[in-house]
Amino acid sequence: MRLQEKPLSFIINFLLGTAWAFVLIGAVTSFLAFFPDNIFYAIISACIGALPGMIAVLLLEYIITSKEKYAELQKQTRLLEKLLEKKDA
């Protein structure tokens, strides 16, 4: 995982896997529920059934990205402070 904190990384990985499982389960069950009636309705239903899981995936990826951005900004701040100290000395 991209995150540095081990417990948070484990939790987010677990939730991300669960969200992808919900995408797959939602799409497959929705597709199979409407397949006997009409293939077009089955495909549309599969897309709609996958939406809740995809929203969860997007939310978790946003959390990961914001944590990475925060860590990178902290590194940049430390480097800029060192440069400022060298300039003053």
C-alpha atoms as a PDB file:
ATOM      1  CA  MET A   1       0.000   0.000   0.000  1.00  0.00           C
ATOM      2  CA  ARG A   2       1.051   3.524  -0.570  1.00  0.00           C
ATOM      3  CA  LEU A   3       0.359   4.772   2.952  1.00  0.00           C
ATOM      4  CA  GLN A   4       3.092   4.820   5.580  1.00  0.00           C
ATOM      5  CA  GLU A   5       0.978   3.999   8.654  1.00  0.00           C
ATOM      6  CA  LYS A   6       0.573   0.222   8.872  1.00  0.00           C
ATOM      7  CA  PRO A   7      -2.770  -0.028  10.747  1.00  0.00           C
ATOM      8  CA  LEU A   8      -4.440   2.596   8.560  1.00  0.00           C
ATOM      9  CA  SER A   9      -3.020   0.979   5.445  1.00  0.00           C
ATOM     10  CA  PHE A  10      -4.423  -2.411   6.486  1.00  0.00           C
ATOM     11  CA  ILE A  11      -7.874  -1.000   7.195  1.00  0.00           C
ATOM     12  CA  ILE A  12      -8.073   0.937   3.937  1.00  0.00           C
ATOM     13  CA  ASN A  13      -6.828  -2.080   1.943  1.00  0.00           C
ATOM     14  CA  PHE A  14      -9.461  -4.259   3.573  1.00  0.00           C
ATOM     15  CA  LEU A  15     -12.222  -1.725   2.900  1.00  0.00           C
ATOM     16  CA  LEU A  16     -11.035  -1.268  -0.686  1.00  0.00           C
ATOM     17  CA  GLY A  17     -11.211  -5.017  -1.275  1.00  0.00           C
ATOM     18  CA  THR A  18     -14.659  -5.125   0.272  1.00  0.00           C
ATOM     19  CA  ALA A  19     -15.823  -2.257  -1.933  1.00  0.00           C
ATOM     20  CA  TRP A  20     -14.595  -4.057  -5.067  1.00  0.00           C
ATOM     21  CA  ALA A  21     -16.426  -7.185  -3.901  1.00  0.00           C
ATOM     22  CA  PHE A  22     -19.624  -5.136  -3.564  1.00  0.00           C
ATOM     23  CA  VAL A  23     -19.107  -3.843  -7.117  1.00  0.00           C
ATOM     24  CA  LEU A  24     -18.807  -7.384  -8.442  1.00  0.00           C
ATOM     25  CA  ILE A  25     -21.663  -8.809  -6.391  1.00  0.00           C
ATOM     26  CA  GLY A  26     -23.965  -5.893  -7.207  1.00  0.00           C
ATOM     27  CA  ALA A  27     -23.275  -6.084 -10.925  1.00  0.00           C
ATOM     28  CA  VAL A  28     -23.577  -9.862 -11.205  1.00  0.00           C
ATOM     29  CA  THR A  29     -26.718 -10.250  -9.105  1.00  0.00           C
ATOM     30  CA  SER A  30     -28.446  -7.352 -10.844  1.00  0.00           C
ATOM     31  CA  PHE A  31     -27.481  -8.713 -14.239  1.00  0.00           C
ATOM     32  CA  LEU A  32     -28.702 -12.216 -13.451  1.00  0.00           C
ATOM     33  CA  ALA A  33     -31.960 -10.910 -11.975  1.00  0.00           C
ATOM     34  CA  PHE A  34     -32.952  -9.173 -15.216  1.00  0.00           C
ATOM     35  CA  PHE A  35     -31.257 -11.472 -17.752  1.00  0.00           C
ATOM     36  CA  PRO A  36     -34.287 -13.725 -18.370  1.00  0.00           C
ATOM     37  CA  ASP A  37     -36.418 -10.692 -19.287  1.00  0.00           C
ATOM     38  CA  ASN A  38     -34.188  -8.606 -21.542  1.00  0.00           C
ATOM     39  CA  ILE A  39     -30.433  -8.350 -22.124  1.00  0.00           C
ATOM     40  CA  PHE A  40     -30.580  -4.542 -22.421  1.00  0.00           C
ATOM     41  CA  TYR A  41     -32.310  -4.201 -19.047  1.00  0.00           C
ATOM     42  CA  ALA A  42     -29.826  -6.662 -17.570  1.00  0.00           C
ATOM     43  CA  ILE A  43     -26.844  -4.567 -18.685  1.00  0.00           C
ATOM     44  CA  ILE A  44     -28.396  -1.327 -17.405  1.00  0.00           C
ATOM     45  CA  SER A  45     -29.288  -3.049 -14.139  1.00  0.00           C
ATOM     46  CA  ALA A  46     -25.720  -4.335 -13.753  1.00  0.00           C
ATOM     47  CA  CYS A  47     -24.367  -0.804 -14.157  1.00  0.00           C
ATOM     48  CA  ILE A  48     -26.797   0.525 -11.570  1.00  0.00           C
ATOM     49  CA  GLY A  49     -26.074  -2.394  -9.224  1.00  0.00           C
ATOM     50  CA  ALA A  50     -22.336  -1.652  -9.353  1.00  0.00           C
ATOM     51  CA  LEU A  51     -22.760   2.050  -8.490  1.00  0.00           C
ATOM     52  CA  PRO A  52     -22.756   1.829  -4.655  1.00  0.00           C
ATOM     53  CA  GLY A  53     -19.551  -0.168  -4.655  1.00  0.00           C
ATOM     54  CA  MET A  54     -17.916   2.159  -7.176  1.00  0.00           C
ATOM     55  CA  ILE A  55     -18.800   5.160  -5.009  1.00  0.00           C
ATOM     56  CA  ALA A  56     -17.120   3.447  -2.061  1.00  0.00           C
ATOM     57  CA  VAL A  57     -14.017   2.728  -4.177  1.00  0.00           C
ATOM     58  CA  LEU A  58     -13.833   6.360  -5.272  1.00  0.00           C
ATOM     59  CA  LEU A  59     -14.220   7.585  -1.703  1.00  0.00           C
ATOM     60  CA  LEU A  60     -11.448   5.305  -0.422  1.00  0.00           C
ATOM     61  CA  GLU A  61      -9.125   6.288  -3.283  1.00  0.00           C
ATOM     62  CA  TYR A  62      -9.789   9.938  -2.459  1.00  0.00           C
ATOM     63  CA  ILE A  63      -8.814   9.283   1.164  1.00  0.00           C
ATOM     64  CA  ILE A  64      -5.602   7.565   0.067  1.00  0.00           C
ATOM     65  CA  THR A  65      -4.725  10.406  -2.299  1.00  0.00           C
ATOM     66  CA  SER A  66      -5.353  13.096   0.296  1.00  0.00           C
ATOM     67  CA  LYS A  67      -3.196  11.254   2.868  1.00  0.00           C
ATOM     68  CA  GLU A  68      -0.377  10.950   0.307  1.00  0.00           C
ATOM     69  CA  LYS A  69      -0.670  14.633  -0.551  1.00  0.00           C
ATOM     70  CA  TYR A  70      -0.504  15.595   3.129  1.00  0.00           C
ATOM     71  CA  ALA A  71       2.612  13.459   3.658  1.00  0.00           C
ATOM     72  CA  GLU A  72       4.293  14.993   0.610  1.00  0.00           C
ATOM     73  CA  LEU A  73       3.479  18.505   1.809  1.00  0.00           C
ATOM     74  CA  GLN A  74       5.053  17.689   5.172  1.00  0.00           C
ATOM     75  CA  LYS A  75       8.250  16.535   3.415  1.00  0.00           C
ATOM     76  CA  GLN A  76       8.336  19.703   1.335  1.00  0.00           C
ATOM     77  CA  THR A  77       7.854  21.870   4.414  1.00  0.00           C
ATOM     78  CA  ARG A  78      10.776  20.169   6.175  1.00  0.00           C
ATOM     79  CA  LEU A  79      13.010  20.654   3.144  1.00  0.00           C
ATOM     80  CA  LEU A  80      12.041  24.300   2.794  1.00  0.00           C
ATOM     81  CA  GLU A  81      12.760  24.911   6.475  1.00  0.00           C
ATOM     82  CA  LYS A  82      16.230  23.348   6.066  1.00  0.00           C
ATOM     83  CA  LEU A  83      16.914  25.556   3.054  1.00  0.00           C
ATOM     84  CA  LEU A  84      15.799  28.617   4.974  1.00  0.00           C
ATOM     85  CA  GLU A  85      18.093  27.703   7.866  1.00  0.00           C
ATOM     86  CA  LYS A  86      21.046  27.290   5.466  1.00  0.00           C
ATOM     87  CA  LYS A  87      20.281  30.633   3.861  1.00  0.00           C
ATOM     88  CA  ASP A  88      20.167  32.426   7.242  1.00  0.00           C
ATOM     89  CA  ALA A  89      23.398  30.818   8.472  1.00  0.00           C
END
